[in-house]
C-alpha atoms as a PDB file:
ATOM      1  CA  MET A   1    -183.164  42.598-133.701  1.00  0.00           C
ATOM      2  CA  THR A   2    -186.103  40.301-133.135  1.00  0.00           C
ATOM      3  CA  GLU A   3    -188.296  40.765-130.120  1.00  0.00           C
ATOM      4  CA  GLN A   4    -187.197  37.482-128.596  1.00  0.00           C
ATOM      5  CA  ASN A   5    -183.479  38.436-128.948  1.00  0.00           C
ATOM      6  CA  ASN A   6    -184.299  41.835-127.382  1.00  0.00           C
ATOM      7  CA  LEU A   7    -185.996  40.121-124.438  1.00  0.00           C
ATOM      8  CA  SER A   8    -183.181  37.718-123.850  1.00  0.00           C
ATOM      9  CA  THR A   9    -180.596  40.515-123.967  1.00  0.00           C
ATOM     10  CA  THR A  10    -182.709  42.615-121.622  1.00  0.00           C
ATOM     11  CA  SER A  11    -182.986  39.649-119.248  1.00  0.00           C
ATOM     12  CA  ASN A  12    -179.203  39.387-119.480  1.00  0.00           C
ATOM     13  CA  SER A  13    -179.032  43.004-118.280  1.00  0.00           C
ATOM     14  CA  SER A  14    -181.271  42.300-115.318  1.00  0.00           C
ATOM     15  CA  SER A  15    -179.476  39.041-114.578  1.00  0.00           C
ATOM     16  CA  PHE A  16    -176.176  40.915-114.593  1.00  0.00           C
ATOM     17  CA  MET A  17    -177.485  43.310-111.936  1.00  0.00           C
ATOM     18  CA  GLN A  18    -178.947  40.507-109.896  1.00  0.00           C
ATOM     19  CA  ASN A  19    -175.721  38.539-109.973  1.00  0.00           C
ATOM     20  CA  PHE A  20    -173.639  41.608-109.254  1.00  0.00           C
ATOM     21  CA  LEU A  21    -175.899  42.684-106.329  1.00  0.00           C
ATOM     22  CA  ASN A  22    -175.959  39.151-105.003  1.00  0.00           C
ATOM     23  CA  LEU A  23    -172.235  39.539-104.235  1.00  0.00           C
ATOM     24  CA  SER A  24    -171.798  40.666-100.673  1.00  0.00           C
ATOM     25  CA  GLU A  25    -171.430  44.429-100.171  1.00  0.00           C
ATOM     26  CA  GLU A  26    -168.064  43.732 -98.619  1.00  0.00           C
ATOM     27  CA  LYS A  27    -166.858  41.877-101.713  1.00  0.00           C
ATOM     28  CA  ARG A  28    -168.051  44.666-104.012  1.00  0.00           C
ATOM     29  CA  LYS A  29    -166.431  47.224-101.739  1.00  0.00           C
ATOM     30  CA  SER A  30    -163.142  45.366-101.712  1.00  0.00           C
ATOM     31  CA  GLU A  31    -163.249  45.182-105.523  1.00  0.00           C
ATOM     32  CA  SER A  32    -164.022  48.876-105.961  1.00  0.00           C
ATOM     33  CA  LEU A  33    -161.216  49.829-103.501  1.00  0.00           C
ATOM     34  CA  ARG A  34    -158.774  47.673-105.467  1.00  0.00           C
ATOM     35  CA  ILE A  35    -159.856  49.432-108.687  1.00  0.00           C
ATOM     36  CA  LEU A  36    -159.609  52.933-107.134  1.00  0.00           C
ATOM     37  CA  ASN A  37    -156.086  52.150-105.823  1.00  0.00           C
ATOM     38  CA  LYS A  38    -154.908  50.743-109.096  1.00  0.00           C
ATOM     39  CA  TYR A  39    -156.565  53.450-111.251  1.00  0.00           C
ATOM     40  CA  PRO A  40    -156.711  56.637-109.150  1.00  0.00           C
ATOM     41  CA  ASP A  41    -157.765  58.792-112.073  1.00  0.00           C
ATOM     42  CA  ARG A  42    -160.851  56.614-112.814  1.00  0.00           C
ATOM     43  CA  VAL A  43    -164.034  55.595-111.024  1.00  0.00           C
ATOM     44  CA  PRO A  44    -165.862  52.227-111.249  1.00  0.00           C
ATOM     45  CA  VAL A  45    -169.310  52.624-112.823  1.00  0.00           C
ATOM     46  CA  ILE A  46    -172.119  50.101-113.226  1.00  0.00           C
ATOM     47  CA  ILE A  47    -174.578  51.016-115.958  1.00  0.00           C
ATOM     48  CA  ASN A  48    -177.880  49.346-116.513  1.00  0.00           C
ATOM     49  CA  PRO A  49    -181.207  50.049-118.290  1.00  0.00           C
ATOM     50  CA  ILE A  50    -183.734  51.667-116.010  1.00  0.00           C
ATOM     51  CA  ASP A  51    -186.342  49.043-116.983  1.00  0.00           C
ATOM     52  CA  ASN A  52    -186.945  46.254-119.465  1.00  0.00           C
ATOM     53  CA  LYS A  53    -188.229  48.759-122.100  1.00  0.00           C
ATOM     54  CA  ALA A  54    -184.868  50.420-122.484  1.00  0.00           C
ATOM     55  CA  PRO A  55    -182.502  48.780-124.971  1.00  0.00           C
ATOM     56  CA  PRO A  56    -179.666  46.587-123.616  1.00  0.00           C
ATOM     57  CA  ILE A  57    -176.039  47.643-123.352  1.00  0.00           C
ATOM     58  CA  SER A  58    -173.125  45.586-124.463  1.00  0.00           C
ATOM     59  CA  ASN A  59    -171.072  46.051-121.216  1.00  0.00           C
ATOM     60  CA  HIS A  60    -172.233  47.007-117.717  1.00  0.00           C
ATOM     61  CA  LYS A  61    -168.940  47.758-115.948  1.00  0.00           C
ATOM     62  CA  TYR A  62    -166.774  50.723-116.852  1.00  0.00           C
ATOM     63  CA  LEU A  63    -163.768  52.560-115.504  1.00  0.00           C
ATOM     64  CA  VAL A  64    -164.602  56.151-116.276  1.00  0.00           C
ATOM     65  CA  PRO A  65    -161.967  58.906-116.261  1.00  0.00           C
ATOM     66  CA  THR A  66    -162.660  61.408-113.479  1.00  0.00           C
ATOM     67  CA  ASN A  67    -161.854  64.406-115.674  1.00  0.00           C
ATOM     68  CA  ILE A  68    -164.706  63.982-118.204  1.00  0.00           C
ATOM     69  CA  THR A  69    -168.244  65.277-117.891  1.00  0.00           C
ATOM     70  CA  LEU A  70    -171.404  63.167-117.738  1.00  0.00           C
ATOM     71  CA  GLY A  71    -172.209  64.428-121.310  1.00  0.00           C
ATOM     72  CA  GLN A  72    -168.883  63.141-122.553  1.00  0.00           C
ATOM     73  CA  TYR A  73    -169.507  59.771-120.885  1.00  0.00           C
ATOM     74  CA  MET A  74    -172.925  59.666-122.512  1.00  0.00           C
ATOM     75  CA  HIS A  75    -171.252  60.247-125.878  1.00  0.00           C
ATOM     76  CA  ILE A  76    -168.859  57.262-125.141  1.00  0.00           C
ATOM     77  CA  VAL A  77    -171.666  54.977-124.016  1.00  0.00           C
ATOM     78  CA  ARG A  78    -174.275  55.786-126.675  1.00  0.00           C
ATOM     79  CA  PRO A  79    -172.787  53.477-129.354  1.00  0.00           C
ATOM     80  CA  LYS A  80    -172.807  50.579-126.946  1.00  0.00           C
ATOM     81  CA  ILE A  81    -176.619  50.926-126.653  1.00  0.00           C
ATOM     82  CA  LYS A  82    -178.358  50.209-129.878  1.00  0.00           C
ATOM     83  CA  ILE A  83    -180.609  53.266-130.146  1.00  0.00           C
ATOM     84  CA  ASN A  84    -181.957  55.286-133.052  1.00  0.00           C
ATOM     85  CA  PRO A  85    -180.217  58.571-133.729  1.00  0.00           C
ATOM     86  CA  LYS A  86    -183.621  60.305-133.243  1.00  0.00           C
ATOM     87  CA  GLU A  87    -183.786  59.036-129.624  1.00  0.00           C
ATOM     88  CA  ALA A  88    -182.405  60.924-126.630  1.00  0.00           C
ATOM     89  CA  LEU A  89    -180.395  59.172-123.985  1.00  0.00           C
ATOM     90  CA  PHE A  90    -180.983  60.021-120.317  1.00  0.00           C
ATOM     91  CA  PHE A  91    -178.767  59.016-117.355  1.00  0.00           C
ATOM     92  CA  PHE A  92    -180.210  58.677-113.843  1.00  0.00           C
ATOM     93  CA  ILE A  93    -177.669  58.477-111.030  1.00  0.00           C
ATOM     94  CA  GLY A  94    -177.808  56.252-107.987  1.00  0.00           C
ATOM     95  CA  ASN A  95    -180.622  54.417-106.283  1.00  0.00           C
ATOM     96  CA  ASN A  96    -182.640  57.601-106.100  1.00  0.00           C
ATOM     97  CA  LYS A  97    -182.312  57.949-109.921  1.00  0.00           C
ATOM     98  CA  ILE A  98    -181.142  61.614-109.801  1.00  0.00           C
ATOM     99  CA  LEU A  99    -180.971  63.440-113.174  1.00  0.00           C
ATOM    100  CA  CYS A 100    -177.630  65.269-113.136  1.00  0.00           C
ATOM    101  CA  PRO A 101    -176.525  68.126-115.501  1.00  0.00           C
ATOM    102  CA  VAL A 102    -174.569  66.768-118.437  1.00  0.00           C
ATOM    103  CA  GLY A 103    -171.868  69.374-117.807  1.00  0.00           C
ATOM    104  CA  GLU A 104    -171.100  68.033-114.327  1.00  0.00           C
ATOM    105  CA  PRO A 105    -167.739  66.222-114.003  1.00  0.00           C
ATOM    106  CA  ILE A 106    -167.831  62.471-113.260  1.00  0.00           C
ATOM    107  CA  SER A 107    -165.571  63.109-110.236  1.00  0.00           C
ATOM    108  CA  THR A 108    -168.217  65.392-108.683  1.00  0.00           C
ATOM    109  CA  ILE A 109    -171.031  62.955-109.441  1.00  0.00           C
ATOM    110  CA  TYR A 110    -169.048  60.084-107.968  1.00  0.00           C
ATOM    111  CA  SER A 111    -168.237  62.027-104.811  1.00  0.00           C
ATOM    112  CA  LYS A 112    -171.929  62.968-104.329  1.00  0.00           C
ATOM    113  CA  TYR A 113    -173.660  59.731-105.386  1.00  0.00           C
ATOM    114  CA  ALA A 114    -171.285  56.742-105.185  1.00  0.00           C
ATOM    115  CA  ASN A 115    -172.840  53.819-103.418  1.00  0.00           C
ATOM    116  CA  ASN A 116    -171.517  52.506-100.095  1.00  0.00           C
ATOM    117  CA  ASP A 117    -169.885  49.622-102.077  1.00  0.00           C
ATOM    118  CA  GLY A 118    -167.690  52.148-103.957  1.00  0.00           C
ATOM    119  CA  TYR A 119    -169.460  51.894-107.299  1.00  0.00           C
ATOM    120  CA  LEU A 120    -171.361  54.620-109.094  1.00  0.00           C
ATOM    121  CA  TYR A 121    -174.644  53.196-110.398  1.00  0.00           C
ATOM    122  CA  ILE A 122    -176.070  54.839-113.524  1.00  0.00           C
ATOM    123  CA  TYR A 123    -179.371  53.782-115.040  1.00  0.00           C
ATOM    124  CA  TYR A 124    -180.330  54.883-118.538  1.00  0.00           C
ATOM    125  CA  ASN A 125    -183.489  55.307-120.535  1.00  0.00           C
ATOM    126  CA  ILE A 126    -184.276  56.617-123.959  1.00  0.00           C
ATOM    127  CA  GLU A 127    -186.952  58.919-125.242  1.00  0.00           C
ATOM    128  CA  SER A 128    -188.004  59.780-128.821  1.00  0.00           C
ATOM    129  CA  ALA A 129    -187.095  63.460-128.793  1.00  0.00           C
ATOM    130  CA  PHE A 130    -185.998  64.570-132.233  1.00  0.00           C
ATOM    131  CA  GLY A 131    -188.867  63.917-134.532  1.00  0.00           C
END
């Protein structure tokens, strides 16, 4: 991917978050409640790169099963982020960017760190770790 394409996709990531957060909190909360009622075994997640150095992701909104762990979710999301197999993926949860254990269930993370609008915000970053 060329640097210009990478920058435009990264700006698409930041523009997605800007557009999403520009919606009123009440509108986001209404949408998350609708989702939670329709899919009681899933939680709404918004995932975004932690900064413009992290590679973009193909989709920002996910309905994540409550019975999987954070590590299992990382395994699902990893192919949607174009990263080298030698790079490690890290998830930071919520506005405080908490690093949670990968064995923790999504349901527990959601109950601890879901935003007031009903979404769980996950930020990711990569690090060269295997070579």
